C-alpha atoms as a PDB file:
ATOM      1  CA  MET A   1       4.339   8.377  -3.474  1.00  0.00           C
ATOM      2  CA  VAL A   2       4.232  12.178  -3.402  1.00  0.00           C
ATOM      3  CA  LEU A   3       2.671  13.994  -0.463  1.00  0.00           C
ATOM      4  CA  ILE A   4       0.128  16.712  -1.120  1.00  0.00           C
ATOM      5  CA  CYS A   5      -1.136  18.753   1.806  1.00  0.00           C
ATOM      6  CA  VAL A   6      -4.692  20.061   1.661  1.00  0.00           C
ATOM      7  CA  VAL A   7      -5.279  23.089   3.886  1.00  0.00           C
ATOM      8  CA  ASP A   8      -8.983  23.934   4.045  1.00  0.00           C
ATOM      9  CA  ASP A   9     -11.332  24.527   6.966  1.00  0.00           C
ATOM     10  CA  ASP A  10     -14.161  22.729   5.128  1.00  0.00           C
ATOM     11  CA  VAL A  11     -14.063  19.070   6.168  1.00  0.00           C
ATOM     12  CA  SER A  12     -16.007  17.918   3.106  1.00  0.00           C
ATOM     13  CA  MET A  13     -13.524  19.673   0.797  1.00  0.00           C
ATOM     14  CA  ARG A  14     -10.563  18.052   2.573  1.00  0.00           C
ATOM     15  CA  SER A  15     -12.264  14.671   2.336  1.00  0.00           C
ATOM     16  CA  SER A  16     -13.237  14.924  -1.330  1.00  0.00           C
ATOM     17  CA  LEU A  17      -9.828  16.237  -2.364  1.00  0.00           C
ATOM     18  CA  GLY A  18      -8.166  13.490  -0.324  1.00  0.00           C
ATOM     19  CA  ASN A  19     -10.208  10.843  -2.128  1.00  0.00           C
ATOM     20  CA  LEU A  20      -9.490  12.380  -5.521  1.00  0.00           C
ATOM     21  CA  LEU A  21      -5.769  12.643  -4.828  1.00  0.00           C
ATOM     22  CA  LYS A  22      -5.695   9.029  -3.673  1.00  0.00           C
ATOM     23  CA  SER A  23      -7.377   7.944  -6.925  1.00  0.00           C
ATOM     24  CA  LEU A  24      -4.641   9.841  -8.792  1.00  0.00           C
ATOM     25  CA  GLY A  25      -1.925   7.917  -6.944  1.00  0.00           C
ATOM     26  CA  CYS A  26      -0.958  10.643  -4.470  1.00  0.00           C
ATOM     27  CA  ARG A  27      -0.777  10.579  -0.692  1.00  0.00           C
ATOM     28  CA  SER A  28      -2.524  13.471   1.008  1.00  0.00           C
ATOM     29  CA  ILE A  29      -2.906  14.878   4.482  1.00  0.00           C
ATOM     30  CA  GLY A  30      -5.603  17.396   5.352  1.00  0.00           C
ATOM     31  CA  PHE A  31      -5.350  20.305   7.753  1.00  0.00           C
ATOM     32  CA  ALA A  32      -8.277  22.332   9.098  1.00  0.00           C
ATOM     33  CA  SER A  33      -6.232  25.516   9.544  1.00  0.00           C
ATOM     34  CA  GLY A  34      -3.132  27.273   8.348  1.00  0.00           C
ATOM     35  CA  GLU A  35      -1.757  27.230  11.865  1.00  0.00           C
ATOM     36  CA  ALA A  36      -2.092  23.431  12.128  1.00  0.00           C
ATOM     37  CA  PHE A  37      -0.407  22.972   8.766  1.00  0.00           C
ATOM     38  CA  LEU A  38       2.527  25.285   9.534  1.00  0.00           C
ATOM     39  CA  ALA A  39       3.061  23.567  12.912  1.00  0.00           C
ATOM     40  CA  SER A  40       3.213  20.116  11.284  1.00  0.00           C
ATOM     41  CA  SER A  41       6.273  18.219  10.116  1.00  0.00           C
ATOM     42  CA  GLU A  42       4.469  17.544   6.827  1.00  0.00           C
ATOM     43  CA  ALA A  43       4.743  21.238   5.889  1.00  0.00           C
ATOM     44  CA  SER A  44       8.394  20.710   4.992  1.00  0.00           C
ATOM     45  CA  GLN A  45       7.772  17.366   3.256  1.00  0.00           C
ATOM     46  CA  ALA A  46       4.947  18.387   0.926  1.00  0.00           C
ATOM     47  CA  ALA A  47       5.482  18.102  -2.816  1.00  0.00           C
ATOM     48  CA  CYS A  48       2.596  20.570  -3.209  1.00  0.00           C
ATOM     49  CA  VAL A  49       0.128  22.445  -1.007  1.00  0.00           C
ATOM     50  CA  LEU A  50      -3.517  22.976  -1.948  1.00  0.00           C
ATOM     51  CA  LEU A  51      -4.410  26.049   0.085  1.00  0.00           C
ATOM     52  CA  ASP A  52      -7.828  27.593   0.654  1.00  0.00           C
ATOM     53  CA  LEU A  53      -7.724  31.382   0.896  1.00  0.00           C
ATOM     54  CA  ARG A  54     -10.626  31.981   3.289  1.00  0.00           C
ATOM     55  CA  MET A  55     -10.357  30.081   6.551  1.00  0.00           C
ATOM     56  CA  GLN A  56     -10.993  30.612  10.219  1.00  0.00           C
ATOM     57  CA  GLY A  57      -7.882  31.991  11.892  1.00  0.00           C
ATOM     58  CA  MET A  58      -4.861  32.465   9.659  1.00  0.00           C
ATOM     59  CA  GLN A  59      -5.915  33.303   6.105  1.00  0.00           C
ATOM     60  CA  GLY A  60      -4.503  31.464   3.109  1.00  0.00           C
ATOM     61  CA  LEU A  61      -2.590  34.478   1.798  1.00  0.00           C
ATOM     62  CA  ASP A  62      -0.745  34.728   5.134  1.00  0.00           C
ATOM     63  CA  VAL A  63       0.088  30.998   4.994  1.00  0.00           C
ATOM     64  CA  LEU A  64       1.358  31.449   1.430  1.00  0.00           C
ATOM     65  CA  ARG A  65       3.602  34.338   2.451  1.00  0.00           C
ATOM     66  CA  HIS A  66       4.946  32.329   5.376  1.00  0.00           C
ATOM     67  CA  LEU A  67       5.726  29.370   3.109  1.00  0.00           C
ATOM     68  CA  ARG A  68       7.425  31.544   0.479  1.00  0.00           C
ATOM     69  CA  ALA A  69       9.705  32.960   3.181  1.00  0.00           C
ATOM     70  CA  SER A  70      10.955  29.482   4.101  1.00  0.00           C
ATOM     71  CA  ASP A  71      13.645  27.630   2.212  1.00  0.00           C
ATOM     72  CA  PRO A  72      12.955  25.304   0.588  1.00  0.00           C
ATOM     73  CA  HIS A  73       9.262  25.931   0.030  1.00  0.00           C
ATOM     74  CA  PRO A  74       6.726  23.701  -1.664  1.00  0.00           C
ATOM     75  CA  PRO A  75       4.703  24.817  -4.684  1.00  0.00           C
ATOM     76  CA  VAL A  76       1.365  26.257  -3.576  1.00  0.00           C
ATOM     77  CA  VAL A  77      -1.926  26.094  -5.455  1.00  0.00           C
ATOM     78  CA  CYS A  78      -4.468  28.491  -3.967  1.00  0.00           C
ATOM     79  CA  MET A  79      -8.179  27.806  -4.176  1.00  0.00           C
ATOM     80  CA  SER A  80     -11.278  29.765  -3.270  1.00  0.00           C
ATOM     81  CA  ALA A  81     -14.934  30.185  -4.093  1.00  0.00           C
ATOM     82  CA  HIS A  82     -14.302  33.943  -3.887  1.00  0.00           C
ATOM     83  CA  GLY A  83     -11.776  34.408  -6.658  1.00  0.00           C
ATOM     84  CA  ASP A  84     -12.232  37.853  -8.147  1.00  0.00           C
ATOM     85  CA  GLN A  85      -9.469  39.160 -10.411  1.00  0.00           C
ATOM     86  CA  GLN A  86      -7.892  41.246  -7.642  1.00  0.00           C
ATOM     87  CA  THR A  87      -7.648  38.206  -5.349  1.00  0.00           C
ATOM     88  CA  VAL A  88      -6.167  36.039  -8.090  1.00  0.00           C
ATOM     89  CA  SER A  89      -3.595  38.741  -8.916  1.00  0.00           C
ATOM     90  CA  ARG A  90      -2.681  39.151  -5.250  1.00  0.00           C
ATOM     91  CA  VAL A  91      -1.999  35.434  -4.682  1.00  0.00           C
ATOM     92  CA  MET A  92      -0.057  35.060  -7.919  1.00  0.00           C
ATOM     93  CA  VAL A  93       2.164  38.043  -7.023  1.00  0.00           C
ATOM     94  CA  ALA A  94       2.625  36.520  -3.554  1.00  0.00           C
ATOM     95  CA  GLY A  95       4.030  33.374  -5.159  1.00  0.00           C
ATOM     96  CA  ALA A  96       1.192  30.940  -5.796  1.00  0.00           C
ATOM     97  CA  LEU A  97       1.836  28.564  -8.661  1.00  0.00           C
ATOM     98  CA  ALA A  98      -1.820  28.482  -9.720  1.00  0.00           C
ATOM     99  CA  PHE A  99      -5.311  29.465  -8.625  1.00  0.00           C
ATOM    100  CA  LEU A 100      -8.330  27.158  -8.707  1.00  0.00           C
ATOM    101  CA  ALA A 101     -11.805  28.694  -8.490  1.00  0.00           C
ATOM    102  CA  LYS A 102     -14.133  26.468  -6.458  1.00  0.00           C
ATOM    103  CA  PRO A 103     -15.807  24.373  -7.601  1.00  0.00           C
ATOM    104  CA  PHE A 104     -13.148  23.028  -9.951  1.00  0.00           C
ATOM    105  CA  CYS A 105     -12.958  19.835 -11.949  1.00  0.00           C
ATOM    106  CA  GLU A 106     -10.473  16.982 -11.802  1.00  0.00           C
ATOM    107  CA  GLU A 107      -8.757  18.136 -15.001  1.00  0.00           C
ATOM    108  CA  GLN A 108      -8.089  21.600 -13.545  1.00  0.00           C
ATOM    109  CA  LEU A 109      -6.570  20.018 -10.435  1.00  0.00           C
ATOM    110  CA  ILE A 110      -4.391  17.700 -12.525  1.00  0.00           C
ATOM    111  CA  ASN A 111      -3.174  20.650 -14.615  1.00  0.00           C
ATOM    112  CA  ALA A 112      -2.231  22.561 -11.455  1.00  0.00           C
ATOM    113  CA  LEU A 113      -0.414  19.530 -10.020  1.00  0.00           C
ATOM    114  CA  GLU A 114       1.484  19.095 -13.282  1.00  0.00           C
ATOM    115  CA  LEU A 115       2.589  22.750 -13.017  1.00  0.00           C
ATOM    116  CA  ALA A 116       4.011  21.771  -9.637  1.00  0.00           C
ATOM    117  CA  GLY A 117       6.020  19.013 -11.299  1.00  0.00           C
ATOM    118  CA  ILE A 118       3.826  16.171 -10.077  1.00  0.00           C
ATOM    119  CA  VAL A 119       3.347  13.485 -12.690  1.00  0.00           C
ATOM    120  CA  ILE A 120      -0.119  11.939 -12.575  1.00  0.00           C
END
């Protein structure tokens, strides 16, 4: 079972994504901050990371840059309710695989996971 890490400071978002991922046959672990995620052993085991851009403490773009500097690095799907074109361009240039504008539907999440090579 593939591991997907959900990094979002919103507990309800972590919970709902965790439930959705479970229903899709994936294992997920949620993290309330970028710092907690990067300090975890799961960071190196993730098949994909769902990463919120606006969080308390370390911002999602900084987490993305940190992950892209490591080898190997998991595919990262960024998500935010504040996704203007400049923000989307910035995260894609920084190495995100996809961007999901909150709120997003199950089909959009599945499409992003399939881009990451995860078969649902």
